[in-house]
Amino acid sequence: MDSLDSENAPFLPDEKPPRTKNQIFARQWPWILSTLFFALLSALLFFRLPSSPYGSYEKGFSTDLKSIRSSIELQEVQFTGGLELDENGRLISVTDPGAPKYAGPPSPEIDDAWNELMLALDLDLSEDEAEGVKEWTMKGEDNAKYRVSLDMYHSLHCLNAIRKALDIDYYEPGKKHPYYYRLHIDHCIDYLRQGIQCSADMTPLGYWWNEEYQVPFPYFKEKHTCRNFNKLRDWSMGRIPEDRADRHHH
């Protein structure tokens, strides 16, 4: 009987009492704190460490002029100047009628557009604005500011020189050109080649079938992601040498 009673005796007295909420929290809080610590540390490292030592297209590369980087803004731009067929099957270049004309047979209109585009070819920067370049560039005529040129303007200068070389008899009729004229043009061609390879625009161009010529033609109306040139130009125009500023206002 005693044996039977002992087998049927309740087991509750031998079980551990249930844990209180405070006891459960006391055992878990070290894990909670360590998880929060590592989460905060990861977030701190994510925001403090640069994504690339080279910078970025959107925020500015380490090789970009430091003082202009805050003016960088991205935008999508649909290119013009594509080749299409008109109603007569003739190949034509499609341009924006409301935009300045930069290509075509030479004319005062085209020359004025290029001259206006390149007014900021040379810039005079203050001591603070010239950070990163003042150690190796010369000072301007007043010996107070630092003379620089942004690469985009030098590339435009080169493109304009090649444009004029196509119609050299118009721009310099009857003139015998020195040896360095061809040297200049060759420099510009190779410089633009390097610039194109450096930027390496990955925008895909589709093709359409040209019935007239029986060949595939690229479709040039794709949108490209670009830096806002006008915004960078506005920054540059505020720092052009005084003699160029006078010509711009007059």
Protein backbone atom coordinates (compact mmCIF):
# COMPACT_ATOMS: atom_id res chain seq x y z
CA MET A 1 0.00 0.00 0.00
CA ASP A 2 2.78 2.34 0.80
CA SER A 3 4.41 1.48 -2.48
CA LEU A 4 1.22 2.23 -4.38
CA ASP A 5 0.71 5.48 -2.54
CA SER A 6 4.21 6.58 -3.33
CA GLU A 7 3.70 5.91 -7.02
CA ASN A 8 0.52 7.96 -7.05
CA ALA A 9 1.97 10.83 -5.09
CA PRO A 10 1.93 14.20 -6.93
CA PHE A 11 5.16 15.29 -8.58
CA LEU A 12 4.62 19.02 -8.08
CA PRO A 13 6.72 19.30 -4.95
CA ASP A 14 9.76 18.04 -6.89
CA GLU A 15 9.32 20.45 -9.88
CA LYS A 16 11.01 23.84 -10.08
CA PRO A 17 8.77 26.82 -9.42
CA PRO A 18 7.85 28.87 -12.56
CA ARG A 19 10.16 31.78 -13.37
CA THR A 20 8.98 35.29 -12.85
CA LYS A 21 9.12 37.93 -15.62
CA ASN A 22 12.01 39.62 -13.85
CA GLN A 23 13.99 36.39 -13.80
CA ILE A 24 13.38 35.81 -17.52
CA PHE A 25 14.43 39.37 -18.38
CA ALA A 26 17.51 39.08 -16.18
CA ARG A 27 18.68 36.11 -18.22
CA GLN A 28 17.86 37.68 -21.62
CA TRP A 29 18.99 41.30 -21.23
CA PRO A 30 22.70 40.60 -21.94
CA TRP A 31 21.71 39.13 -25.31
CA ILE A 32 19.39 42.04 -26.04
CA LEU A 33 22.08 44.59 -25.20
CA SER A 34 24.73 42.82 -27.27
CA THR A 35 22.36 42.65 -30.26
CA LEU A 36 21.60 46.37 -29.99
CA PHE A 37 25.30 47.17 -29.63
CA PHE A 38 26.29 45.32 -32.78
CA ALA A 39 23.34 46.78 -34.71
CA LEU A 40 24.37 50.33 -33.75
CA LEU A 41 28.02 49.58 -34.52
CA SER A 42 27.10 48.24 -37.97
CA ALA A 43 24.98 51.31 -38.71
CA LEU A 44 27.77 53.63 -37.58
CA LEU A 45 30.33 51.89 -39.77
CA PHE A 46 27.92 51.91 -42.73
CA PHE A 47 27.39 55.67 -42.59
CA ARG A 48 30.96 56.62 -41.71
CA LEU A 49 32.86 54.46 -44.17
CA PRO A 50 32.89 55.71 -47.78
CA SER A 51 31.36 53.38 -50.33
CA SER A 52 34.40 53.80 -52.56
CA PRO A 53 37.78 55.47 -52.15
CA TYR A 54 37.23 57.05 -55.58
CA GLY A 55 33.98 58.83 -54.71
CA SER A 56 30.97 58.59 -57.02
CA TYR A 57 29.46 60.10 -60.15
CA GLU A 58 26.59 61.50 -58.09
CA LYS A 59 28.54 62.95 -55.15
CA GLY A 60 31.80 63.75 -56.91
CA PHE A 61 34.96 61.77 -57.51
CA SER A 62 38.13 62.28 -55.52
CA THR A 63 39.66 63.73 -58.70
CA ASP A 64 36.86 66.31 -59.17
CA LEU A 65 37.49 69.87 -58.05
CA LYS A 66 36.41 69.81 -54.41
CA SER A 67 34.72 73.21 -54.34
CA ILE A 68 32.29 72.37 -57.16
CA ARG A 69 31.18 68.96 -55.90
CA SER A 70 28.22 70.37 -53.96
CA SER A 71 26.80 71.65 -57.27
CA ILE A 72 26.68 68.18 -58.82
CA GLU A 73 23.14 67.10 -59.62
CA LEU A 74 22.02 64.15 -61.73
CA GLN A 75 19.32 64.23 -64.36
CA GLU A 76 18.07 62.08 -67.22
CA VAL A 77 18.62 63.63 -70.64
CA GLN A 78 17.29 62.40 -73.97
CA PHE A 79 19.98 62.95 -76.57
CA THR A 80 19.22 64.60 -79.91
CA GLY A 81 21.10 64.66 -83.21
CA GLY A 82 20.08 61.15 -84.20
CA LEU A 83 19.98 60.03 -87.83
CA GLU A 84 16.59 59.28 -89.34
CA LEU A 85 14.94 59.07 -92.75
CA ASP A 86 12.57 61.81 -93.89
CA GLU A 87 9.43 61.19 -95.96
CA ASN A 88 11.56 61.03 -99.11
CA GLY A 89 13.87 58.39 -97.68
CA ARG A 90 16.71 60.85 -97.24
CA LEU A 91 18.97 60.55 -94.20
CA ILE A 92 18.69 63.58 -91.91
CA SER A 93 19.90 64.63 -88.46
CA VAL A 94 17.10 65.25 -85.97
CA THR A 95 17.87 68.14 -83.62
CA ASP A 96 15.98 70.10 -80.98
CA PRO A 97 14.66 73.23 -82.75
CA GLY A 98 14.58 75.15 -79.47
CA ALA A 99 18.20 74.42 -78.53
CA PRO A 100 21.32 76.27 -79.73
CA LYS A 101 22.82 74.87 -82.90
CA TYR A 102 26.34 73.50 -82.50
CA ALA A 103 26.81 71.48 -85.70
CA GLY A 104 26.30 72.04 -89.40
CA PRO A 105 27.79 74.25 -92.11
CA PRO A 106 29.74 77.12 -90.48
CA SER A 107 27.73 80.21 -89.61
CA PRO A 108 27.82 83.14 -87.16
CA GLU A 109 24.92 81.51 -85.28
CA ILE A 110 26.90 78.33 -84.63
CA ASP A 111 30.06 80.26 -83.74
CA ASP A 112 28.14 82.40 -81.24
CA ALA A 113 26.66 79.28 -79.63
CA TRP A 114 30.12 77.77 -79.16
CA ASN A 115 31.61 81.02 -77.85
CA GLU A 116 28.81 81.30 -75.30
CA LEU A 117 29.21 77.66 -74.30
CA MET A 118 32.91 78.08 -73.57
CA LEU A 119 32.94 81.39 -71.71
CA ALA A 120 33.98 79.53 -68.56
CA LEU A 121 36.96 77.83 -70.20
CA ASP A 122 39.26 79.53 -67.67
CA LEU A 123 38.37 80.04 -64.02
CA ASP A 124 39.91 82.14 -61.25
CA LEU A 125 39.47 80.51 -57.85
CA SER A 126 39.89 81.94 -54.38
CA GLU A 127 42.25 80.44 -51.83
CA ASP A 128 39.50 78.25 -50.34
CA GLU A 129 38.00 77.25 -53.70
CA ALA A 130 41.40 76.16 -55.00
CA GLU A 131 41.87 73.55 -52.29
CA GLY A 132 43.64 70.58 -53.77
CA VAL A 133 44.96 72.40 -56.85
CA LYS A 134 46.70 75.54 -55.60
CA GLU A 135 49.87 73.59 -54.90
CA TRP A 136 50.45 72.93 -58.60
CA THR A 137 48.58 75.58 -60.62
CA MET A 138 49.59 79.14 -61.45
CA LYS A 139 47.92 82.31 -60.23
CA GLY A 140 45.95 84.61 -62.48
CA GLU A 141 47.00 88.00 -63.78
CA ASP A 142 46.12 89.72 -60.50
CA ASN A 143 48.30 87.19 -58.65
CA ALA A 144 45.51 86.79 -56.09
CA LYS A 145 43.45 83.92 -57.48
CA TYR A 146 44.32 80.54 -58.89
CA ARG A 147 43.81 79.81 -62.60
CA VAL A 148 42.24 76.45 -63.51
CA SER A 149 40.16 74.95 -66.28
CA LEU A 150 37.58 72.23 -65.74
CA ASP A 151 38.18 69.26 -68.00
CA MET A 152 34.67 69.40 -69.46
CA TYR A 153 35.47 72.83 -70.90
CA HIS A 154 38.80 71.74 -72.32
CA SER A 155 37.01 68.84 -74.02
CA LEU A 156 34.47 71.26 -75.49
CA HIS A 157 37.35 73.45 -76.68
CA CYS A 158 38.87 70.43 -78.43
CA LEU A 159 35.58 69.45 -80.03
CA ASN A 160 35.15 73.00 -81.32
CA ALA A 161 38.68 72.96 -82.75
CA ILE A 162 37.90 69.76 -84.66
CA ARG A 163 34.63 71.31 -85.89
CA LYS A 164 36.52 74.29 -87.29
CA ALA A 165 39.13 72.01 -88.86
CA LEU A 166 36.38 70.47 -91.00
CA ASP A 167 35.84 73.89 -92.60
CA ILE A 168 39.31 75.37 -92.26
CA ASP A 169 39.00 77.36 -95.50
CA TYR A 170 36.04 79.20 -93.99
CA TYR A 171 37.75 80.05 -90.71
CA GLU A 172 41.25 80.71 -92.04
CA PRO A 173 40.99 81.22 -95.81
CA GLY A 174 44.25 81.11 -97.75
CA LYS A 175 46.33 80.67 -94.63
CA LYS A 176 49.25 78.28 -94.45
CA HIS A 177 49.07 76.41 -91.20
CA PRO A 178 52.14 75.72 -89.08
CA TYR A 179 53.10 72.20 -88.08
CA TYR A 180 51.56 72.56 -84.64
CA TYR A 181 48.06 73.06 -86.09
CA ARG A 182 47.81 69.37 -87.00
CA LEU A 183 49.52 68.55 -83.71
CA HIS A 184 46.76 70.42 -81.87
CA ILE A 185 44.00 68.58 -83.72
CA ASP A 186 45.66 65.22 -83.14
CA HIS A 187 45.93 66.07 -79.44
CA CYS A 188 42.23 66.92 -79.31
CA ILE A 189 41.17 63.70 -81.04
CA ASP A 190 43.21 61.55 -78.69
CA TYR A 191 42.15 63.56 -75.63
CA LEU A 192 38.47 63.13 -76.46
CA ARG A 193 39.06 59.42 -77.06
CA GLN A 194 40.46 59.09 -73.55
CA GLY A 195 37.57 61.08 -72.09
CA ILE A 196 35.00 58.82 -73.76
CA GLN A 197 36.77 55.70 -72.57
CA CYS A 198 37.10 57.16 -69.07
CA SER A 199 33.41 58.02 -68.66
CA ALA A 200 32.39 54.75 -70.39
CA ASP A 201 28.67 55.54 -70.75
CA MET A 202 26.85 52.19 -70.54
CA THR A 203 23.51 53.43 -71.93
CA PRO A 204 22.33 50.78 -74.43
CA LEU A 205 21.51 51.87 -77.98
CA GLY A 206 18.97 49.80 -79.86
CA TYR A 207 18.85 49.35 -83.64
CA TRP A 208 16.28 49.81 -86.39
CA TRP A 209 16.35 48.44 -89.91
CA ASN A 210 17.06 51.03 -92.61
CA GLU A 211 15.21 49.90 -95.73
CA GLU A 212 16.86 52.53 -97.92
CA TYR A 213 20.42 51.51 -97.09
CA GLN A 214 19.61 47.90 -96.13
CA VAL A 215 21.64 48.14 -92.93
CA PRO A 216 20.81 48.36 -89.20
CA PHE A 217 20.97 51.90 -87.77
CA PRO A 218 21.47 52.81 -84.10
CA TYR A 219 18.57 54.43 -82.28
CA PHE A 220 19.98 57.58 -80.71
CA LYS A 221 17.02 58.84 -78.67
CA GLU A 222 17.76 56.89 -75.51
CA LYS A 223 17.85 58.68 -72.16
CA HIS A 224 21.22 59.07 -70.47
CA THR A 225 21.99 59.76 -66.82
CA CYS A 226 24.01 62.97 -66.81
CA ARG A 227 25.40 65.55 -64.48
CA ASN A 228 23.38 68.75 -64.78
CA PHE A 229 25.67 70.78 -67.03
CA ASN A 230 23.73 74.02 -66.58
CA LYS A 231 24.10 73.88 -62.81
CA LEU A 232 27.86 73.30 -63.10
CA ARG A 233 28.05 76.07 -65.69
CA ASP A 234 26.28 78.51 -63.35
CA TRP A 235 28.91 77.79 -60.69
CA SER A 236 31.68 78.25 -63.24
CA MET A 237 30.30 81.49 -64.67
CA GLY A 238 30.61 83.12 -61.25
CA ARG A 239 34.36 82.52 -61.36
CA ILE A 240 35.43 83.49 -64.87
CA PRO A 241 38.20 86.09 -65.28
CA GLU A 242 37.01 89.69 -65.38
CA ASP A 243 37.90 90.22 -69.04
CA ARG A 244 35.71 87.28 -70.08
CA ALA A 245 32.91 88.47 -67.78
CA ASP A 246 32.97 91.86 -69.50
CA ARG A 247 32.61 90.22 -72.92
CA HIS A 248 29.72 88.12 -71.62
CA HIS A 249 27.78 91.12 -70.33
CA HIS A 250 28.39 93.15 -73.46
